[in-house]
């Protein structure tokens, strides 16, 4: 997954303006208690970050 696809999915589920805010504020345990932004900046692959976001948001399996 590319970063552009990751952000498109985030915006689809959270809205364009809220996605960036959520990504910078929400710590996720499975990402080492890092935010989405911190995880991506640390080099965690977007697919792995998306899986963590998917779990936290409790999205349907079809959205994986």
PDB file of N, CA and C in Angstrom:
ATOM      1  N   UNK A   1       0.841  -1.164   0.000  1.00  0.00           N
ATOM      2  CA  UNK A   1       0.000   0.000   0.000  1.00  0.00           C
ATOM      3  C   UNK A   1       0.897   1.240   0.000  1.00  0.00           C
ATOM      4  N   UNK A   2       0.548   2.178  -0.817  1.00  0.00           N
ATOM      5  CA  UNK A   2       1.269   3.454  -0.862  1.00  0.00           C
ATOM      6  C   UNK A   2       0.682   4.424   0.158  1.00  0.00           C
ATOM      7  N   UNK A   3       1.456   5.416   0.480  1.00  0.00           N
ATOM      8  CA  UNK A   3       0.990   6.439   1.421  1.00  0.00           C
ATOM      9  C   UNK A   3      -0.274   7.120   0.899  1.00  0.00           C
ATOM     10  N   UNK A   4      -0.347   7.345  -0.402  1.00  0.00           N
ATOM     11  CA  UNK A   4      -1.522   8.010  -0.975  1.00  0.00           C
ATOM     12  C   UNK A   4      -2.779   7.174  -0.777  1.00  0.00           C
ATOM     13  N   UNK A   5      -2.671   5.858  -0.928  1.00  0.00           N
ATOM     14  CA  UNK A   5      -3.820   4.986  -0.706  1.00  0.00           C
ATOM     15  C   UNK A   5      -4.198   4.973   0.775  1.00  0.00           C
ATOM     16  N   UNK A   6      -3.193   4.951   1.631  1.00  0.00           N
ATOM     17  CA  UNK A   6      -3.454   4.990   3.068  1.00  0.00           C
ATOM     18  C   UNK A   6      -4.259   6.229   3.430  1.00  0.00           C
ATOM     19  N   UNK A   7      -3.797   7.394   2.962  1.00  0.00           N
ATOM     20  CA  UNK A   7      -4.489   8.641   3.314  1.00  0.00           C
ATOM     21  C   UNK A   7      -5.864   8.731   2.671  1.00  0.00           C
ATOM     22  N   UNK A   8      -6.038   8.160   1.500  1.00  0.00           N
ATOM     23  CA  UNK A   8      -7.360   8.124   0.868  1.00  0.00           C
ATOM     24  C   UNK A   8      -8.325   7.307   1.726  1.00  0.00           C
ATOM     25  N   UNK A   9      -7.859   6.195   2.265  1.00  0.00           N
ATOM     26  CA  UNK A   9      -8.703   5.376   3.139  1.00  0.00           C
ATOM     27  C   UNK A   9      -9.027   6.108   4.436  1.00  0.00           C
ATOM     28  N   UNK A  10      -8.021   6.773   4.996  1.00  0.00           N
ATOM     29  CA  UNK A  10      -8.258   7.541   6.228  1.00  0.00           C
ATOM     30  C   UNK A  10      -9.327   8.608   5.989  1.00  0.00           C
ATOM     31  N   UNK A  11      -9.198   9.335   4.897  1.00  0.00           N
ATOM     32  CA  UNK A  11     -10.156  10.392   4.589  1.00  0.00           C
ATOM     33  C   UNK A  11     -11.536   9.830   4.290  1.00  0.00           C
ATOM     34  N   UNK A  12     -11.596   8.690   3.670  1.00  0.00           N
ATOM     35  CA  UNK A  12     -12.883   8.048   3.383  1.00  0.00           C
ATOM     36  C   UNK A  12     -13.631   7.729   4.678  1.00  0.00           C
ATOM     37  N   UNK A  13     -12.915   7.223   5.659  1.00  0.00           N
ATOM     38  CA  UNK A  13     -13.553   6.780   6.902  1.00  0.00           C
ATOM     39  C   UNK A  13     -13.693   7.868   7.956  1.00  0.00           C
ATOM     40  N   UNK A  14     -12.817   8.846   7.943  1.00  0.00           N
ATOM     41  CA  UNK A  14     -12.846   9.869   8.992  1.00  0.00           C
ATOM     42  C   UNK A  14     -13.186  11.263   8.476  1.00  0.00           C
ATOM     43  N   UNK A  15     -13.200  11.442   7.179  1.00  0.00           N
ATOM     44  CA  UNK A  15     -13.406  12.766   6.614  1.00  0.00           C
ATOM     45  C   UNK A  15     -12.066  13.440   6.379  1.00  0.00           C
ATOM     46  N   UNK A  16     -12.025  14.296   5.386  1.00  0.00           N
ATOM     47  CA  UNK A  16     -10.766  14.911   4.972  1.00  0.00           C
ATOM     48  C   UNK A  16     -10.116  15.731   6.084  1.00  0.00           C
ATOM     49  N   UNK A  17     -10.889  16.516   6.785  1.00  0.00           N
ATOM     50  CA  UNK A  17     -10.290  17.377   7.803  1.00  0.00           C
ATOM     51  C   UNK A  17      -9.981  16.616   9.097  1.00  0.00           C
ATOM     52  N   UNK A  18     -10.813  15.670   9.477  1.00  0.00           N
ATOM     53  CA  UNK A  18     -10.617  14.965  10.735  1.00  0.00           C
ATOM     54  C   UNK A  18      -9.513  13.910  10.642  1.00  0.00           C
ATOM     55  N   UNK A  19      -9.282  13.342   9.472  1.00  0.00           N
ATOM     56  CA  UNK A  19      -8.280  12.283   9.312  1.00  0.00           C
ATOM     57  C   UNK A  19      -6.900  12.754   9.758  1.00  0.00           C
ATOM     58  N   UNK A  20      -6.500  13.924   9.331  1.00  0.00           N
ATOM     59  CA  UNK A  20      -5.173  14.439   9.696  1.00  0.00           C
ATOM     60  C   UNK A  20      -5.083  14.718  11.195  1.00  0.00           C
ATOM     61  N   UNK A  21      -6.136  15.262  11.753  1.00  0.00           N
ATOM     62  CA  UNK A  21      -6.162  15.549  13.188  1.00  0.00           C
ATOM     63  C   UNK A  21      -6.088  14.256  13.990  1.00  0.00           C
ATOM     64  N   UNK A  22      -6.887  13.292  13.623  1.00  0.00           N
ATOM     65  CA  UNK A  22      -6.920  11.999  14.309  1.00  0.00           C
ATOM     66  C   UNK A  22      -5.553  11.329  14.232  1.00  0.00           C
ATOM     67  N   UNK A  23      -4.938  11.383  13.047  1.00  0.00           N
ATOM     68  CA  UNK A  23      -3.641  10.740  12.823  1.00  0.00           C
ATOM     69  C   UNK A  23      -2.535  11.355  13.670  1.00  0.00           C
ATOM     70  N   UNK A  24      -2.689  12.607  14.013  1.00  0.00           N
ATOM     71  CA  UNK A  24      -1.642  13.266  14.798  1.00  0.00           C
ATOM     72  C   UNK A  24      -1.882  13.196  16.298  1.00  0.00           C
ATOM     73  N   UNK A  25      -3.081  12.757  16.716  1.00  0.00           N
ATOM     74  CA  UNK A  25      -3.420  12.780  18.138  1.00  0.00           C
ATOM     75  C   UNK A  25      -3.697  11.415  18.762  1.00  0.00           C
ATOM     76  N   UNK A  26      -4.163  10.464  17.976  1.00  0.00           N
ATOM     77  CA  UNK A  26      -4.586   9.170  18.510  1.00  0.00           C
ATOM     78  C   UNK A  26      -3.415   8.206  18.620  1.00  0.00           C
ATOM     79  N   UNK A  27      -3.022   7.863  19.831  1.00  0.00           N
ATOM     80  CA  UNK A  27      -1.980   6.853  20.034  1.00  0.00           C
ATOM     81  C   UNK A  27      -2.597   5.469  19.895  1.00  0.00           C
ATOM     82  N   UNK A  28      -1.870   4.578  19.253  1.00  0.00           N
ATOM     83  CA  UNK A  28      -2.354   3.222  19.017  1.00  0.00           C
ATOM     84  C   UNK A  28      -1.362   2.243  19.643  1.00  0.00           C
ATOM     85  N   UNK A  29      -1.854   1.418  20.547  1.00  0.00           N
ATOM     86  CA  UNK A  29      -0.997   0.480  21.288  1.00  0.00           C
ATOM     87  C   UNK A  29      -0.220  -0.443  20.351  1.00  0.00           C
ATOM     88  N   UNK A  30      -0.869  -0.963  19.329  1.00  0.00           N
ATOM     89  CA  UNK A  30      -0.197  -1.912  18.437  1.00  0.00           C
ATOM     90  C   UNK A  30       0.883  -1.258  17.571  1.00  0.00           C
ATOM     91  N   UNK A  31       0.952   0.060  17.602  1.00  0.00           N
ATOM     92  CA  UNK A  31       2.019   0.783  16.904  1.00  0.00           C
ATOM     93  C   UNK A  31       3.063   1.288  17.895  1.00  0.00           C
ATOM     94  N   UNK A  32       3.121   0.645  19.048  1.00  0.00           N
ATOM     95  CA  UNK A  32       4.086   1.045  20.075  1.00  0.00           C
ATOM     96  C   UNK A  32       3.677   2.317  20.779  1.00  0.00           C
ATOM     97  N   UNK A  33       2.373   2.505  20.931  1.00  0.00           N
ATOM     98  CA  UNK A  33       1.815   3.715  21.550  1.00  0.00           C
ATOM     99  C   UNK A  33       2.225   4.977  20.801  1.00  0.00           C
ATOM    100  N   UNK A  34       2.395   4.835  19.501  1.00  0.00           N
ATOM    101  CA  UNK A  34       2.683   5.988  18.643  1.00  0.00           C
ATOM    102  C   UNK A  34       1.418   6.395  17.919  1.00  0.00           C
ATOM    103  N   UNK A  35       1.405   7.636  17.462  1.00  0.00           N
ATOM    104  CA  UNK A  35       0.320   8.090  16.610  1.00  0.00           C
ATOM    105  C   UNK A  35       0.569   7.561  15.195  1.00  0.00           C
ATOM    106  N   UNK A  36      -0.423   7.684  14.352  1.00  0.00           N
ATOM    107  CA  UNK A  36      -0.273   7.303  12.951  1.00  0.00           C
ATOM    108  C   UNK A  36       0.885   8.079  12.330  1.00  0.00           C
ATOM    109  N   UNK A  37       0.911   9.381  12.549  1.00  0.00           N
ATOM    110  CA  UNK A  37       1.981  10.208  11.986  1.00  0.00           C
ATOM    111  C   UNK A  37       3.352   9.770  12.472  1.00  0.00           C
ATOM    112  N   UNK A  38       3.474   9.504  13.760  1.00  0.00           N
ATOM    113  CA  UNK A  38       4.755   9.062  14.315  1.00  0.00           C
ATOM    114  C   UNK A  38       5.178   7.724  13.734  1.00  0.00           C
ATOM    115  N   UNK A  39       4.239   6.809  13.597  1.00  0.00           N
ATOM    116  CA  UNK A  39       4.553   5.487  13.042  1.00  0.00           C
ATOM    117  C   UNK A  39       5.016   5.602  11.592  1.00  0.00           C
ATOM    118  N   UNK A  40       4.296   6.366  10.796  1.00  0.00           N
ATOM    119  CA  UNK A  40       4.688   6.538   9.392  1.00  0.00           C
ATOM    120  C   UNK A  40       6.041   7.228   9.293  1.00  0.00           C
ATOM    121  N   UNK A  41       6.264   8.244  10.117  1.00  0.00           N
ATOM    122  CA  UNK A  41       7.553   8.952  10.109  1.00  0.00           C
ATOM    123  C   UNK A  41       8.699   8.038  10.535  1.00  0.00           C
ATOM    124  N   UNK A  42       8.402   7.049  11.373  1.00  0.00           N
ATOM    125  CA  UNK A  42       9.421   6.111  11.836  1.00  0.00           C
ATOM    126  C   UNK A  42       9.681   4.994  10.821  1.00  0.00           C
ATOM    127  N   UNK A  43       8.936   5.002   9.719  1.00  0.00           N
ATOM    128  CA  UNK A  43       9.163   4.009   8.676  1.00  0.00           C
ATOM    129  C   UNK A  43       8.284   2.774   8.745  1.00  0.00           C
ATOM    130  N   UNK A  44       7.275   2.787   9.611  1.00  0.00           N
ATOM    131  CA  UNK A  44       6.345   1.662   9.656  1.00  0.00           C
ATOM    132  C   UNK A  44       5.569   1.666   8.331  1.00  0.00           C
ATOM    133  N   UNK A  45       5.488   0.528   7.655  1.00  0.00           N
ATOM    134  CA  UNK A  45       4.800   0.476   6.368  1.00  0.00           C
ATOM    135  C   UNK A  45       3.330   0.901   6.491  1.00  0.00           C
ATOM    136  N   UNK A  46       2.833   1.654   5.508  1.00  0.00           N
ATOM    137  CA  UNK A  46       1.440   2.110   5.550  1.00  0.00           C
ATOM    138  C   UNK A  46       0.426   0.973   5.732  1.00  0.00           C
ATOM    139  N   UNK A  47       0.693  -0.201   5.147  1.00  0.00           N
ATOM    140  CA  UNK A  47      -0.233  -1.328   5.300  1.00  0.00           C
ATOM    141  C   UNK A  47      -0.335  -1.751   6.758  1.00  0.00           C
ATOM    142  N   UNK A  48       0.783  -1.786   7.456  1.00  0.00           N
ATOM    143  CA  UNK A  48       0.776  -2.152   8.872  1.00  0.00           C
ATOM    144  C   UNK A  48       0.044  -1.091   9.695  1.00  0.00           C
ATOM    145  N   UNK A  49       0.271   0.165   9.385  1.00  0.00           N
ATOM    146  CA  UNK A  49      -0.422   1.242  10.088  1.00  0.00           C
ATOM    147  C   UNK A  49      -1.923   1.155   9.806  1.00  0.00           C
ATOM    148  N   UNK A  50      -2.292   0.871   8.550  1.00  0.00           N
ATOM    149  CA  UNK A  50      -3.702   0.762   8.211  1.00  0.00           C
ATOM    150  C   UNK A  50      -4.371  -0.373   9.001  1.00  0.00           C
ATOM    151  N   UNK A  51      -3.689  -1.492   9.138  1.00  0.00           N
ATOM    152  CA  UNK A  51      -4.258  -2.606   9.911  1.00  0.00           C
ATOM    153  C   UNK A  51      -4.527  -2.183  11.354  1.00  0.00           C
ATOM    154  N   UNK A  52      -3.623  -1.418  11.921  1.00  0.00           N
ATOM    155  CA  UNK A  52      -3.810  -0.930  13.290  1.00  0.00           C
ATOM    156  C   UNK A  52      -4.986   0.039  13.365  1.00  0.00           C
ATOM    157  N   UNK A  53      -5.061   0.953  12.410  1.00  0.00           N
ATOM    158  CA  UNK A  53      -6.177   1.904  12.362  1.00  0.00           C
ATOM    159  C   UNK A  53      -7.490   1.152  12.180  1.00  0.00           C
ATOM    160  N   UNK A  54      -7.491   0.201  11.277  1.00  0.00           N
ATOM    161  CA  UNK A  54      -8.676  -0.613  10.985  1.00  0.00           C
ATOM    162  C   UNK A  54      -9.198  -1.270  12.259  1.00  0.00           C
ATOM    163  N   UNK A  55      -8.306  -1.807  13.051  1.00  0.00           N
ATOM    164  CA  UNK A  55      -8.696  -2.478  14.294  1.00  0.00           C
ATOM    165  C   UNK A  55      -9.246  -1.477  15.312  1.00  0.00           C
ATOM    166  N   UNK A  56      -8.581  -0.335  15.455  1.00  0.00           N
ATOM    167  CA  UNK A  56      -9.016   0.664  16.430  1.00  0.00           C
ATOM    168  C   UNK A  56     -10.394   1.222  16.062  1.00  0.00           C
ATOM    169  N   UNK A  57     -10.614   1.455  14.773  1.00  0.00           N
ATOM    170  CA  UNK A  57     -11.890   2.008  14.325  1.00  0.00           C
ATOM    171  C   UNK A  57     -12.984   0.943  14.203  1.00  0.00           C
ATOM    172  N   UNK A  58     -12.586  -0.319  14.376  1.00  0.00           N
ATOM    173  CA  UNK A  58     -13.513  -1.450  14.272  1.00  0.00           C
ATOM    174  C   UNK A  58     -14.284  -1.428  12.949  1.00  0.00           C
ATOM    175  N   UNK A  59     -13.520  -1.284  11.869  1.00  0.00           N
ATOM    176  CA  UNK A  59     -14.111  -1.262  10.534  1.00  0.00           C
ATOM    177  C   UNK A  59     -14.420  -2.680  10.076  1.00  0.00           C
ATOM    178  N   UNK A  60     -15.339  -2.835   9.140  1.00  0.00           N
ATOM    179  CA  UNK A  60     -15.665  -4.171   8.642  1.00  0.00           C
ATOM    180  C   UNK A  60     -14.471  -4.823   7.930  1.00  0.00           C
ATOM    181  N   UNK A  61     -14.449  -6.134   7.952  1.00  0.00           N
ATOM    182  CA  UNK A  61     -13.356  -6.886   7.334  1.00  0.00           C
ATOM    183  C   UNK A  61     -13.180  -6.521   5.868  1.00  0.00           C
ATOM    184  N   UNK A  62     -14.240  -6.162   5.196  1.00  0.00           N
ATOM    185  CA  UNK A  62     -14.161  -5.803   3.778  1.00  0.00           C
ATOM    186  C   UNK A  62     -13.347  -4.550   3.536  1.00  0.00           C
ATOM    187  N   UNK A  63     -13.070  -3.779   4.577  1.00  0.00           N
ATOM    188  CA  UNK A  63     -12.308  -2.528   4.436  1.00  0.00           C
ATOM    189  C   UNK A  63     -10.821  -2.706   4.706  1.00  0.00           C
ATOM    190  N   UNK A  64     -10.390  -3.948   4.949  1.00  0.00           N
ATOM    191  CA  UNK A  64      -8.975  -4.196   5.205  1.00  0.00           C
ATOM    192  C   UNK A  64      -8.216  -3.994   3.965  1.00  0.00           C
TER     193      UNK A  64
END
